[in-house]
């Protein structure tokens, strides 16, 4: 397909079906929705899409179709929605607009065309930016009864949550809801209507969950005997410590995956850590754990040792965030002890933004399980010393495939510490993301990078003196054609 696809030009005949799908698969990742724009302006490509419609569209919609970073979203999606065939088994559309001040979003008129294309899928995932209450009501009423998995991210208008509660398919096994903004009175009726066959439940209820909802959520969990995955987002609510303790104490013991987002809450007192420790100690099947208490008021000296000491199962994935909780050396020792007990851990994310992190940083580094393949560490604005950084570099798991490291604001680190890190990177590493102060990165003369590294992204402060450093890093890459990272300020 060397010919430029403009106007009515044809990309040329496709030799065989297999070759065509290889081309689509190759272009699908980097181009994304360009595939659909090409189809809209190229008669030859549109004919190919029509001829191989069923199989090709199933293959394309197996990917996420995201309009988040696209301009003229309405025009692109209007062209796309007319080409969506009926009877797709799965539909995943991200039409939300994260830049809420922007007015470039999908129009309600275009979204109404989507309602006629829902068909009878088994899986439906929608992220929609729309404040039209009538459209939202119509969407809820037209939810396919065949759904087994449903994910919705939307700011719901008044009365829509009640309509959603009445329309939830009874055969749902997976449900993910991000309310963003709803009236509190509506949440109770939804919790009462949760299907009993749920295996996977995600409720992001930031700013809307309260004490009055706890009994209904507990009743819903007791009525779901096969629940395996549970995500509860309750950040920045007025949930009291007593209610949070009651909720945590009655979490299902059969869970395989648990995520608790309880940031910016007042959880002082012994009730919450005691309840969480008791709940974790009963979860013999737990394999994935994500605890986020960022900016919460907790008695951290009792909280972390008690909770982390209760984790006795062998986890596969673990994420812990106690940032801004005034974590001390005693708490970090409990973290190191917990890591030392984990022999099967494959993915680990730790936010170690703590004033006293350097006292136990070496201990934590040496406790990293060798089984880890994906590691994310944040020491942002901490007092991490150069000596501790060198120990961390030497302690990286040998089979590591992905590393994310935030050492921005660690003023004690120097260029030599960064060079030591780059020399110590495991040869198996394919993805590296560094957030770092420019003065720690500036002046690097030589860098040795893993031979299979495919993605390098470093985010320093803007500085013209980094041009030489960028050249050194690019020169060290063995696969420059696969470089997707960039040098600049993170958004």
Foldseek 3Di string as FASTA:
>chain_A
DPDDLAAADAPDDDPDPVSVVVVCVVCCVPPQLVLLVSLVRYPNSVVVCVVCVPVVLLVSQVDARECAPPAQLQVSLLSVLVSQAAPRQEHHYAQDYPVVVDPRGHDLVSVVSNLVRPHAYQYYAYEHEDPDQVSLLVSLQSDHLNYQEYAYHYQHDPPSLLSNLVRPRLNHQYYAYHHVHDALVSVLSNLQSDHQQYQAYHYAQEARDELVNLVSNLVSQVSNVNHAHYHYHHEPYAHELVSLLVNLLSHDLQYQEYAYHYEPEANEDDRNLVSLLNSQLSNQNHAYYHYAHENYAYPQLPRQLSNLVSNQHAHQEYEDHHHPHQDAPSSVVSVLVSLLNHQNHAYYAYEPCHAHCQVCLLSNLQSHHLNYAHYEYENALYQHALVSLLSNLQSPRQQHAEYHYEPANNVRAALVSVQSNQVSDHLNYAYYEYEYEVRRQAPDDAGAHRQNHQEYAYEYADDPRCPNSVVRVCVNHNCNVRYPYDYYHDD
